[in-house]
């Protein structure tokens, strides 16, 4: 930020006084104060939301790690066997025959 001396601050104050006038200056300052208060409240709410999201994500990751450890089969346990089938369906959906062409006339 630039270094402002006393002379520069006085010049800026005079320019603001000329632009807004003595009657509108208190209203402009009040509006600026309200705007700053709203801006600060919104930025604080956004940072609070970020912290809450980080905490939730951390908790979910811990829960997934715990459930993953519980669901993991033991190394000595036999692997699950799939029921025998003819291979024409996957999850109940028919699979296209690889020998058959999907184009008509071939």
PDB file of N, CA and C in Angstrom:
ATOM      1  N   UNK A   1       0.852  -1.162   0.000  1.00  0.00           N
ATOM      2  CA  UNK A   1       0.000   0.000   0.000  1.00  0.00           C
ATOM      3  C   UNK A   1       0.902   1.229   0.000  1.00  0.00           C
ATOM      4  N   UNK A   2       0.513   2.257  -0.749  1.00  0.00           N
ATOM      5  CA  UNK A   2       1.373   3.437  -0.826  1.00  0.00           C
ATOM      6  C   UNK A   2       1.428   4.180   0.502  1.00  0.00           C
ATOM      7  N   UNK A   3       2.548   4.807   0.736  1.00  0.00           N
ATOM      8  CA  UNK A   3       2.713   5.605   1.951  1.00  0.00           C
ATOM      9  C   UNK A   3       2.010   6.938   1.755  1.00  0.00           C
ATOM     10  N   UNK A   4       1.013   7.208   2.580  1.00  0.00           N
ATOM     11  CA  UNK A   4       0.272   8.457   2.496  1.00  0.00           C
ATOM     12  C   UNK A   4       0.723   9.366   3.624  1.00  0.00           C
ATOM     13  N   UNK A   5       1.120  10.560   3.248  1.00  0.00           N
ATOM     14  CA  UNK A   5       1.511  11.544   4.250  1.00  0.00           C
ATOM     15  C   UNK A   5       0.315  12.396   4.633  1.00  0.00           C
ATOM     16  N   UNK A   6       0.556  13.345   5.500  1.00  0.00           N
ATOM     17  CA  UNK A   6      -0.513  14.227   5.974  1.00  0.00           C
ATOM     18  C   UNK A   6      -1.074  15.048   4.828  1.00  0.00           C
ATOM     19  N   UNK A   7      -0.230  15.539   3.964  1.00  0.00           N
ATOM     20  CA  UNK A   7      -0.690  16.357   2.840  1.00  0.00           C
ATOM     21  C   UNK A   7      -1.608  15.585   1.913  1.00  0.00           C
ATOM     22  N   UNK A   8      -1.248  14.331   1.600  1.00  0.00           N
ATOM     23  CA  UNK A   8      -2.084  13.525   0.709  1.00  0.00           C
ATOM     24  C   UNK A   8      -3.437  13.205   1.346  1.00  0.00           C
ATOM     25  N   UNK A   9      -3.439  12.946   2.633  1.00  0.00           N
ATOM     26  CA  UNK A   9      -4.698  12.636   3.325  1.00  0.00           C
ATOM     27  C   UNK A   9      -5.611  13.859   3.320  1.00  0.00           C
ATOM     28  N   UNK A  10      -5.062  15.047   3.518  1.00  0.00           N
ATOM     29  CA  UNK A  10      -5.873  16.276   3.505  1.00  0.00           C
ATOM     30  C   UNK A  10      -6.450  16.499   2.110  1.00  0.00           C
ATOM     31  N   UNK A  11      -5.659  16.284   1.078  1.00  0.00           N
ATOM     32  CA  UNK A  11      -6.151  16.453  -0.295  1.00  0.00           C
ATOM     33  C   UNK A  11      -7.269  15.463  -0.586  1.00  0.00           C
ATOM     34  N   UNK A  12      -7.115  14.207  -0.178  1.00  0.00           N
ATOM     35  CA  UNK A  12      -8.162  13.192  -0.391  1.00  0.00           C
ATOM     36  C   UNK A  12      -9.434  13.582   0.354  1.00  0.00           C
ATOM     37  N   UNK A  13      -9.313  14.082   1.586  1.00  0.00           N
ATOM     38  CA  UNK A  13     -10.480  14.488   2.375  1.00  0.00           C
ATOM     39  C   UNK A  13     -11.201  15.654   1.698  1.00  0.00           C
ATOM     40  N   UNK A  14     -10.463  16.603   1.154  1.00  0.00           N
ATOM     41  CA  UNK A  14     -11.083  17.745   0.474  1.00  0.00           C
ATOM     42  C   UNK A  14     -11.809  17.286  -0.781  1.00  0.00           C
ATOM     43  N   UNK A  15     -11.205  16.382  -1.550  1.00  0.00           N
ATOM     44  CA  UNK A  15     -11.845  15.875  -2.766  1.00  0.00           C
ATOM     45  C   UNK A  15     -13.136  15.141  -2.404  1.00  0.00           C
ATOM     46  N   UNK A  16     -13.106  14.335  -1.367  1.00  0.00           N
ATOM     47  CA  UNK A  16     -14.316  13.615  -0.937  1.00  0.00           C
ATOM     48  C   UNK A  16     -15.386  14.599  -0.485  1.00  0.00           C
ATOM     49  N   UNK A  17     -14.988  15.630   0.242  1.00  0.00           N
ATOM     50  CA  UNK A  17     -15.934  16.658   0.708  1.00  0.00           C
ATOM     51  C   UNK A  17     -16.561  17.383  -0.473  1.00  0.00           C
ATOM     52  N   UNK A  18     -15.764  17.665  -1.502  1.00  0.00           N
ATOM     53  CA  UNK A  18     -16.296  18.347  -2.689  1.00  0.00           C
ATOM     54  C   UNK A  18     -17.245  17.425  -3.454  1.00  0.00           C
ATOM     55  N   UNK A  19     -16.878  16.156  -3.589  1.00  0.00           N
ATOM     56  CA  UNK A  19     -17.717  15.213  -4.338  1.00  0.00           C
ATOM     57  C   UNK A  19     -19.059  14.968  -3.654  1.00  0.00           C
ATOM     58  N   UNK A  20     -19.048  14.706  -2.371  1.00  0.00           N
ATOM     59  CA  UNK A  20     -20.276  14.337  -1.672  1.00  0.00           C
ATOM     60  C   UNK A  20     -20.982  15.522  -1.037  1.00  0.00           C
ATOM     61  N   UNK A  21     -20.283  16.567  -0.707  1.00  0.00           N
ATOM     62  CA  UNK A  21     -20.895  17.707  -0.039  1.00  0.00           C
ATOM     63  C   UNK A  21     -21.012  17.440   1.447  1.00  0.00           C
ATOM     64  N   UNK A  22     -21.107  18.495   2.222  1.00  0.00           N
ATOM     65  CA  UNK A  22     -21.138  18.386   3.679  1.00  0.00           C
ATOM     66  C   UNK A  22     -22.413  17.707   4.169  1.00  0.00           C
ATOM     67  N   UNK A  23     -23.518  17.874   3.439  1.00  0.00           N
ATOM     68  CA  UNK A  23     -24.782  17.297   3.891  1.00  0.00           C
ATOM     69  C   UNK A  23     -24.850  15.789   3.651  1.00  0.00           C
ATOM     70  N   UNK A  24     -24.271  15.326   2.563  1.00  0.00           N
ATOM     71  CA  UNK A  24     -24.358  13.901   2.219  1.00  0.00           C
ATOM     72  C   UNK A  24     -23.222  13.086   2.819  1.00  0.00           C
ATOM     73  N   UNK A  25     -22.207  13.719   3.351  1.00  0.00           N
ATOM     74  CA  UNK A  25     -21.044  13.010   3.870  1.00  0.00           C
ATOM     75  C   UNK A  25     -21.386  12.046   5.017  1.00  0.00           C
ATOM     76  N   UNK A  26     -22.208  12.457   6.012  1.00  0.00           N
ATOM     77  CA  UNK A  26     -22.556  11.486   7.073  1.00  0.00           C
ATOM     78  C   UNK A  26     -23.339  10.280   6.548  1.00  0.00           C
ATOM     79  N   UNK A  27     -24.231  10.514   5.586  1.00  0.00           N
ATOM     80  CA  UNK A  27     -24.995   9.401   5.018  1.00  0.00           C
ATOM     81  C   UNK A  27     -24.085   8.455   4.239  1.00  0.00           C
ATOM     82  N   UNK A  28     -23.139   9.029   3.513  1.00  0.00           N
ATOM     83  CA  UNK A  28     -22.201   8.193   2.758  1.00  0.00           C
ATOM     84  C   UNK A  28     -21.326   7.373   3.704  1.00  0.00           C
ATOM     85  N   UNK A  29     -20.875   7.971   4.793  1.00  0.00           N
ATOM     86  CA  UNK A  29     -20.058   7.250   5.770  1.00  0.00           C
ATOM     87  C   UNK A  29     -20.875   6.139   6.434  1.00  0.00           C
ATOM     88  N   UNK A  30     -22.130   6.404   6.732  1.00  0.00           N
ATOM     89  CA  UNK A  30     -23.001   5.405   7.348  1.00  0.00           C
ATOM     90  C   UNK A  30     -23.225   4.237   6.390  1.00  0.00           C
ATOM     91  N   UNK A  31     -23.473   4.536   5.122  1.00  0.00           N
ATOM     92  CA  UNK A  31     -23.674   3.485   4.125  1.00  0.00           C
ATOM     93  C   UNK A  31     -22.398   2.656   3.956  1.00  0.00           C
ATOM     94  N   UNK A  32     -21.252   3.328   3.981  1.00  0.00           N
ATOM     95  CA  UNK A  32     -19.971   2.613   3.863  1.00  0.00           C
ATOM     96  C   UNK A  32     -19.775   1.690   5.069  1.00  0.00           C
ATOM     97  N   UNK A  33     -20.125   2.152   6.263  1.00  0.00           N
ATOM     98  CA  UNK A  33     -20.015   1.334   7.467  1.00  0.00           C
ATOM     99  C   UNK A  33     -20.902   0.102   7.398  1.00  0.00           C
ATOM    100  N   UNK A  34     -22.128   0.284   6.920  1.00  0.00           N
ATOM    101  CA  UNK A  34     -23.051  -0.858   6.775  1.00  0.00           C
ATOM    102  C   UNK A  34     -22.500  -1.875   5.776  1.00  0.00           C
ATOM    103  N   UNK A  35     -22.004  -1.351   4.669  1.00  0.00           N
ATOM    104  CA  UNK A  35     -21.457  -2.244   3.648  1.00  0.00           C
ATOM    105  C   UNK A  35     -20.279  -3.039   4.184  1.00  0.00           C
ATOM    106  N   UNK A  36     -19.402  -2.388   4.923  1.00  0.00           N
ATOM    107  CA  UNK A  36     -18.245  -3.081   5.506  1.00  0.00           C
ATOM    108  C   UNK A  36     -18.685  -4.145   6.511  1.00  0.00           C
ATOM    109  N   UNK A  37     -19.711  -3.833   7.310  1.00  0.00           N
ATOM    110  CA  UNK A  37     -20.221  -4.802   8.291  1.00  0.00           C
ATOM    111  C   UNK A  37     -20.796  -6.029   7.588  1.00  0.00           C
ATOM    112  N   UNK A  38     -21.572  -5.791   6.526  1.00  0.00           N
ATOM    113  CA  UNK A  38     -22.151  -6.909   5.769  1.00  0.00           C
ATOM    114  C   UNK A  38     -21.051  -7.740   5.132  1.00  0.00           C
ATOM    115  N   UNK A  39     -20.049  -7.072   4.556  1.00  0.00           N
ATOM    116  CA  UNK A  39     -18.941  -7.778   3.913  1.00  0.00           C
ATOM    117  C   UNK A  39     -18.190  -8.645   4.916  1.00  0.00           C
ATOM    118  N   UNK A  40     -17.918  -8.104   6.090  1.00  0.00           N
ATOM    119  CA  UNK A  40     -17.209  -8.874   7.118  1.00  0.00           C
ATOM    120  C   UNK A  40     -18.030 -10.076   7.566  1.00  0.00           C
ATOM    121  N   UNK A  41     -19.342  -9.872   7.735  1.00  0.00           N
ATOM    122  CA  UNK A  41     -20.201 -10.980   8.167  1.00  0.00           C
ATOM    123  C   UNK A  41     -20.224 -12.093   7.125  1.00  0.00           C
ATOM    124  N   UNK A  42     -20.295 -11.715   5.853  1.00  0.00           N
ATOM    125  CA  UNK A  42     -20.330 -12.724   4.788  1.00  0.00           C
ATOM    126  C   UNK A  42     -19.007 -13.479   4.683  1.00  0.00           C
ATOM    127  N   UNK A  43     -17.881 -12.771   4.791  1.00  0.00           N
ATOM    128  CA  UNK A  43     -16.598 -13.463   4.712  1.00  0.00           C
ATOM    129  C   UNK A  43     -16.400 -14.390   5.904  1.00  0.00           C
ATOM    130  N   UNK A  44     -16.882 -13.987   7.084  1.00  0.00           N
ATOM    131  CA  UNK A  44     -16.783 -14.851   8.257  1.00  0.00           C
ATOM    132  C   UNK A  44     -17.656 -16.094   8.070  1.00  0.00           C
ATOM    133  N   UNK A  45     -18.851 -15.906   7.519  1.00  0.00           N
ATOM    134  CA  UNK A  45     -19.733 -17.056   7.271  1.00  0.00           C
ATOM    135  C   UNK A  45     -19.111 -18.018   6.269  1.00  0.00           C
ATOM    136  N   UNK A  46     -18.459 -17.482   5.247  1.00  0.00           N
ATOM    137  CA  UNK A  46     -17.810 -18.344   4.259  1.00  0.00           C
ATOM    138  C   UNK A  46     -16.673 -19.137   4.892  1.00  0.00           C
ATOM    139  N   UNK A  47     -15.874 -18.501   5.740  1.00  0.00           N
ATOM    140  CA  UNK A  47     -14.773 -19.227   6.373  1.00  0.00           C
ATOM    141  C   UNK A  47     -15.300 -20.264   7.359  1.00  0.00           C
ATOM    142  N   UNK A  48     -16.409 -19.948   8.049  1.00  0.00           N
ATOM    143  CA  UNK A  48     -17.022 -20.927   8.946  1.00  0.00           C
ATOM    144  C   UNK A  48     -17.543 -22.124   8.165  1.00  0.00           C
ATOM    145  N   UNK A  49     -18.131 -21.859   6.984  1.00  0.00           N
ATOM    146  CA  UNK A  49     -18.619 -22.952   6.146  1.00  0.00           C
ATOM    147  C   UNK A  49     -17.471 -23.836   5.694  1.00  0.00           C
ATOM    148  N   UNK A  50     -16.347 -23.212   5.341  1.00  0.00           N
ATOM    149  CA  UNK A  50     -15.177 -23.994   4.917  1.00  0.00           C
ATOM    150  C   UNK A  50     -14.676 -24.886   6.044  1.00  0.00           C
ATOM    151  N   UNK A  51     -14.619 -24.345   7.264  1.00  0.00           N
ATOM    152  CA  UNK A  51     -14.154 -25.135   8.404  1.00  0.00           C
ATOM    153  C   UNK A  51     -15.111 -26.291   8.677  1.00  0.00           C
ATOM    154  N   UNK A  52     -16.419 -26.026   8.611  1.00  0.00           N
ATOM    155  CA  UNK A  52     -17.406 -27.071   8.844  1.00  0.00           C
ATOM    156  C   UNK A  52     -17.277 -28.165   7.787  1.00  0.00           C
ATOM    157  N   UNK A  53     -17.070 -27.756   6.536  1.00  0.00           N
ATOM    158  CA  UNK A  53     -16.919 -28.729   5.455  1.00  0.00           C
ATOM    159  C   UNK A  53     -15.669 -29.569   5.662  1.00  0.00           C
ATOM    160  N   UNK A  54     -14.564 -28.944   6.086  1.00  0.00           N
ATOM    161  CA  UNK A  54     -13.335 -29.697   6.349  1.00  0.00           C
ATOM    162  C   UNK A  54     -13.549 -30.699   7.470  1.00  0.00           C
ATOM    163  N   UNK A  55     -14.257 -30.283   8.520  1.00  0.00           N
ATOM    164  CA  UNK A  55     -14.512 -31.194   9.644  1.00  0.00           C
ATOM    165  C   UNK A  55     -15.387 -32.365   9.195  1.00  0.00           C
ATOM    166  N   UNK A  56     -16.424 -32.079   8.401  1.00  0.00           N
ATOM    167  CA  UNK A  56     -17.302 -33.142   7.925  1.00  0.00           C
ATOM    168  C   UNK A  56     -16.551 -34.103   7.022  1.00  0.00           C
ATOM    169  N   UNK A  57     -15.711 -33.566   6.149  1.00  0.00           N
ATOM    170  CA  UNK A  57     -14.945 -34.417   5.243  1.00  0.00           C
ATOM    171  C   UNK A  57     -13.992 -35.302   6.033  1.00  0.00           C
ATOM    172  N   UNK A  58     -13.360 -34.738   7.052  1.00  0.00           N
ATOM    173  CA  UNK A  58     -12.456 -35.527   7.886  1.00  0.00           C
ATOM    174  C   UNK A  58     -13.195 -36.627   8.624  1.00  0.00           C
ATOM    175  N   UNK A  59     -14.381 -36.317   9.138  1.00  0.00           N
ATOM    176  CA  UNK A  59     -15.185 -37.304   9.852  1.00  0.00           C
ATOM    177  C   UNK A  59     -15.634 -38.409   8.909  1.00  0.00           C
ATOM    178  N   UNK A  60     -16.057 -38.033   7.690  1.00  0.00           N
ATOM    179  CA  UNK A  60     -16.497 -39.040   6.721  1.00  0.00           C
ATOM    180  C   UNK A  60     -15.340 -39.940   6.317  1.00  0.00           C
ATOM    181  N   UNK A  61     -14.161 -39.367   6.156  1.00  0.00           N
ATOM    182  CA  UNK A  61     -12.997 -40.169   5.776  1.00  0.00           C
ATOM    183  C   UNK A  61     -12.649 -41.156   6.892  1.00  0.00           C
ATOM    184  N   UNK A  62     -12.745 -40.713   8.140  1.00  0.00           N
ATOM    185  CA  UNK A  62     -12.470 -41.608   9.260  1.00  0.00           C
ATOM    186  C   UNK A  62     -13.496 -42.731   9.310  1.00  0.00           C
ATOM    187  N   UNK A  63     -14.776 -42.381   9.079  1.00  0.00           N
ATOM    188  CA  UNK A  63     -15.823 -43.405   9.092  1.00  0.00           C
ATOM    189  C   UNK A  63     -15.624 -44.402   7.967  1.00  0.00           C
ATOM    190  N   UNK A  64     -15.221 -43.915   6.777  1.00  0.00           N
ATOM    191  CA  UNK A  64     -14.975 -44.830   5.668  1.00  0.00           C
ATOM    192  C   UNK A  64     -13.798 -45.739   5.962  1.00  0.00           C
ATOM    193  N   UNK A  65     -12.780 -45.195   6.599  1.00  0.00           N
ATOM    194  CA  UNK A  65     -11.612 -46.011   6.936  1.00  0.00           C
ATOM    195  C   UNK A  65     -12.000 -47.099   7.928  1.00  0.00           C
ATOM    196  N   UNK A  66     -12.831 -46.731   8.908  1.00  0.00           N
ATOM    197  CA  UNK A  66     -13.272 -47.731   9.889  1.00  0.00           C
ATOM    198  C   UNK A  66     -14.142 -48.793   9.225  1.00  0.00           C
ATOM    199  N   UNK A  67     -15.098 -48.366   8.390  1.00  0.00           N
ATOM    200  CA  UNK A  67     -15.983 -49.337   7.753  1.00  0.00           C
ATOM    201  C   UNK A  67     -15.219 -50.168   6.736  1.00  0.00           C
ATOM    202  N   UNK A  68     -14.235 -49.583   6.082  1.00  0.00           N
ATOM    203  CA  UNK A  68     -13.422 -50.331   5.127  1.00  0.00           C
ATOM    204  C   UNK A  68     -12.597 -51.389   5.823  1.00  0.00           C
ATOM    205  N   UNK A  69     -12.099 -51.060   7.013  1.00  0.00           N
ATOM    206  CA  UNK A  69     -11.311 -52.039   7.768  1.00  0.00           C
ATOM    207  C   UNK A  69     -12.201 -53.174   8.254  1.00  0.00           C
ATOM    208  N   UNK A  70     -13.440 -52.860   8.606  1.00  0.00           N
ATOM    209  CA  UNK A  70     -14.351 -53.890   9.078  1.00  0.00           C
ATOM    210  C   UNK A  70     -14.819 -54.786   7.926  1.00  0.00           C
ATOM    211  N   UNK A  71     -14.994 -54.203   6.737  1.00  0.00           N
ATOM    212  CA  UNK A  71     -15.520 -54.967   5.605  1.00  0.00           C
ATOM    213  C   UNK A  71     -14.429 -55.747   4.885  1.00  0.00           C
ATOM    214  N   UNK A  72     -13.179 -55.444   5.138  1.00  0.00           N
ATOM    215  CA  UNK A  72     -12.078 -56.122   4.462  1.00  0.00           C
ATOM    216  C   UNK A  72     -11.998 -57.571   4.950  1.00  0.00           C
ATOM    217  N   UNK A  73     -11.935 -58.524   4.025  1.00  0.00           N
ATOM    218  CA  UNK A  73     -11.854 -59.926   4.446  1.00  0.00           C
ATOM    219  C   UNK A  73     -10.473 -60.227   5.030  1.00  0.00           C
ATOM    220  N   UNK A  74     -10.447 -61.220   5.864  1.00  0.00           N
ATOM    221  CA  UNK A  74      -9.176 -61.626   6.470  1.00  0.00           C
ATOM    222  C   UNK A  74      -8.306 -62.294   5.407  1.00  0.00           C
ATOM    223  N   UNK A  75      -6.987 -62.202   5.535  1.00  0.00           N
ATOM    224  CA  UNK A  75      -6.114 -62.777   4.514  1.00  0.00           C
ATOM    225  C   UNK A  75      -6.256 -64.290   4.378  1.00  0.00           C
ATOM    226  N   UNK A  76      -6.567 -65.002   5.449  1.00  0.00           N
ATOM    227  CA  UNK A  76      -6.676 -66.456   5.387  1.00  0.00           C
ATOM    228  C   UNK A  76      -8.043 -66.936   4.942  1.00  0.00           C
ATOM    229  N   UNK A  77      -9.029 -66.020   4.832  1.00  0.00           N
ATOM    230  CA  UNK A  77     -10.384 -66.428   4.474  1.00  0.00           C
ATOM    231  C   UNK A  77     -10.460 -66.715   2.978  1.00  0.00           C
ATOM    232  N   UNK A  78     -11.268 -67.709   2.576  1.00  0.00           N
ATOM    233  CA  UNK A  78     -11.396 -68.010   1.150  1.00  0.00           C
ATOM    234  C   UNK A  78     -12.133 -66.882   0.432  1.00  0.00           C
ATOM    235  N   UNK A  79     -11.786 -66.664  -0.834  1.00  0.00           N
ATOM    236  CA  UNK A  79     -12.423 -65.630  -1.634  1.00  0.00           C
ATOM    237  C   UNK A  79     -13.854 -66.041  -1.954  1.00  0.00           C
ATOM    238  N   UNK A  80     -14.719 -65.048  -2.147  1.00  0.00           N
ATOM    239  CA  UNK A  80     -16.103 -65.356  -2.487  1.00  0.00           C
ATOM    240  C   UNK A  80     -16.165 -65.915  -3.896  1.00  0.00           C
ATOM    241  N   UNK A  81     -16.972 -66.926  -4.048  1.00  0.00           N
ATOM    242  CA  UNK A  81     -17.145 -67.563  -5.343  1.00  0.00           C
ATOM    243  C   UNK A  81     -18.383 -66.978  -6.017  1.00  0.00           C
ATOM    244  N   UNK A  82     -18.286 -66.699  -7.305  1.00  0.00           N
ATOM    245  CA  UNK A  82     -19.439 -66.252  -8.068  1.00  0.00           C
ATOM    246  C   UNK A  82     -20.256 -67.458  -8.482  1.00  0.00           C
ATOM    247  N   UNK A  83     -21.564 -67.319  -8.498  1.00  0.00           N
ATOM    248  CA  UNK A  83     -22.389 -68.454  -8.920  1.00  0.00           C
ATOM    249  C   UNK A  83     -22.108 -68.758 -10.393  1.00  0.00           C
ATOM    250  N   UNK A  84     -22.157 -70.041 -10.730  1.00  0.00           N
ATOM    251  CA  UNK A  84     -21.889 -70.386 -12.128  1.00  0.00           C
ATOM    252  C   UNK A  84     -22.994 -69.842 -13.027  1.00  0.00           C
ATOM    253  N   UNK A  85     -22.618 -69.392 -14.180  1.00  0.00           N
ATOM    254  CA  UNK A  85     -23.593 -68.856 -15.128  1.00  0.00           C
ATOM    255  C   UNK A  85     -23.049 -68.984 -16.536  1.00  0.00           C
ATOM    256  N   UNK A  86     -23.886 -68.643 -17.493  1.00  0.00           N
ATOM    257  CA  UNK A  86     -23.446 -68.775 -18.875  1.00  0.00           C
ATOM    258  C   UNK A  86     -22.761 -67.503 -19.382  1.00  0.00           C
ATOM    259  N   UNK A  87     -22.671 -66.446 -18.549  1.00  0.00           N
ATOM    260  CA  UNK A  87     -21.959 -65.241 -18.918  1.00  0.00           C
ATOM    261  C   UNK A  87     -22.734 -64.314 -19.828  1.00  0.00           C
ATOM    262  N   UNK A  88     -24.042 -64.555 -19.963  1.00  0.00           N
ATOM    263  CA  UNK A  88     -24.823 -63.703 -20.856  1.00  0.00           C
ATOM    264  C   UNK A  88     -25.424 -62.497 -20.148  1.00  0.00           C
ATOM    265  N   UNK A  89     -25.337 -62.445 -18.829  1.00  0.00           N
ATOM    266  CA  UNK A  89     -25.871 -61.301 -18.093  1.00  0.00           C
ATOM    267  C   UNK A  89     -24.830 -60.797 -17.096  1.00  0.00           C
ATOM    268  N   UNK A  90     -24.857 -59.494 -16.878  1.00  0.00           N
ATOM    269  CA  UNK A  90     -24.037 -58.854 -15.862  1.00  0.00           C
ATOM    270  C   UNK A  90     -24.987 -58.019 -15.013  1.00  0.00           C
ATOM    271  N   UNK A  91     -25.087 -58.364 -13.738  1.00  0.00           N
ATOM    272  CA  UNK A  91     -26.020 -57.706 -12.832  1.00  0.00           C
ATOM    273  C   UNK A  91     -27.441 -57.726 -13.373  1.00  0.00           C
ATOM    274  N   UNK A  92     -27.814 -58.800 -14.012  1.00  0.00           N
ATOM    275  CA  UNK A  92     -29.174 -58.955 -14.507  1.00  0.00           C
ATOM    276  C   UNK A  92     -29.409 -58.304 -15.856  1.00  0.00           C
ATOM    277  N   UNK A  93     -28.393 -57.668 -16.459  1.00  0.00           N
ATOM    278  CA  UNK A  93     -28.549 -57.006 -17.752  1.00  0.00           C
ATOM    279  C   UNK A  93     -27.899 -57.891 -18.813  1.00  0.00           C
ATOM    280  N   UNK A  94     -28.608 -58.185 -19.900  1.00  0.00           N
ATOM    281  CA  UNK A  94     -28.035 -59.061 -20.929  1.00  0.00           C
ATOM    282  C   UNK A  94     -26.825 -58.408 -21.594  1.00  0.00           C
ATOM    283  N   UNK A  95     -25.828 -59.244 -21.871  1.00  0.00           N
ATOM    284  CA  UNK A  95     -24.618 -58.789 -22.545  1.00  0.00           C
ATOM    285  C   UNK A  95     -24.720 -59.193 -23.999  1.00  0.00           C
ATOM    286  N   UNK A  96     -24.272 -58.297 -24.896  1.00  0.00           N
ATOM    287  CA  UNK A  96     -24.337 -58.602 -26.332  1.00  0.00           C
ATOM    288  C   UNK A  96     -23.391 -59.740 -26.657  1.00  0.00           C
ATOM    289  N   UNK A  97     -23.784 -60.563 -27.611  1.00  0.00           N
ATOM    290  CA  UNK A  97     -22.958 -61.680 -28.046  1.00  0.00           C
ATOM    291  C   UNK A  97     -21.798 -61.119 -28.862  1.00  0.00           C
ATOM    292  N   UNK A  98     -20.540 -61.395 -28.464  1.00  0.00           N
ATOM    293  CA  UNK A  98     -19.413 -60.806 -29.187  1.00  0.00           C
ATOM    294  C   UNK A  98     -19.276 -61.348 -30.602  1.00  0.00           C
ATOM    295  N   UNK A  99     -19.847 -62.501 -30.890  1.00  0.00           N
ATOM    296  CA  UNK A  99     -19.745 -63.083 -32.227  1.00  0.00           C
ATOM    297  C   UNK A  99     -20.789 -62.508 -33.174  1.00  0.00           C
ATOM    298  N   UNK A 100     -21.788 -61.850 -32.620  1.00  0.00           N
ATOM    299  CA  UNK A 100     -22.881 -61.327 -33.424  1.00  0.00           C
ATOM    300  C   UNK A 100     -22.632 -59.865 -33.727  1.00  0.00           C
ATOM    301  N   UNK A 101     -22.838 -59.447 -34.937  1.00  0.00           N
ATOM    302  CA  UNK A 101     -22.649 -58.056 -35.348  1.00  0.00           C
ATOM    303  C   UNK A 101     -23.924 -57.284 -35.065  1.00  0.00           C
ATOM    304  N   UNK A 102     -23.779 -56.030 -34.632  1.00  0.00           N
ATOM    305  CA  UNK A 102     -24.942 -55.194 -34.364  1.00  0.00           C
ATOM    306  C   UNK A 102     -25.416 -54.477 -35.617  1.00  0.00           C
ATOM    307  N   UNK A 103     -24.710 -54.643 -36.719  1.00  0.00           N
ATOM    308  CA  UNK A 103     -25.093 -53.974 -37.951  1.00  0.00           C
ATOM    309  C   UNK A 103     -26.007 -54.888 -38.747  1.00  0.00           C
ATOM    310  N   UNK A 104     -27.092 -54.326 -39.291  1.00  0.00           N
ATOM    311  CA  UNK A 104     -28.014 -55.170 -40.070  1.00  0.00           C
ATOM    312  C   UNK A 104     -27.378 -55.611 -41.382  1.00  0.00           C
ATOM    313  N   UNK A 105     -27.696 -56.794 -41.800  1.00  0.00           N
ATOM    314  CA  UNK A 105     -27.244 -57.332 -43.073  1.00  0.00           C
ATOM    315  C   UNK A 105     -25.869 -57.965 -43.010  1.00  0.00           C
ATOM    316  N   UNK A 106     -25.290 -58.082 -41.908  1.00  0.00           N
ATOM    317  CA  UNK A 106     -23.972 -58.716 -41.801  1.00  0.00           C
ATOM    318  C   UNK A 106     -24.028 -59.880 -40.882  1.00  0.00           C
TER     319      UNK A 106
END
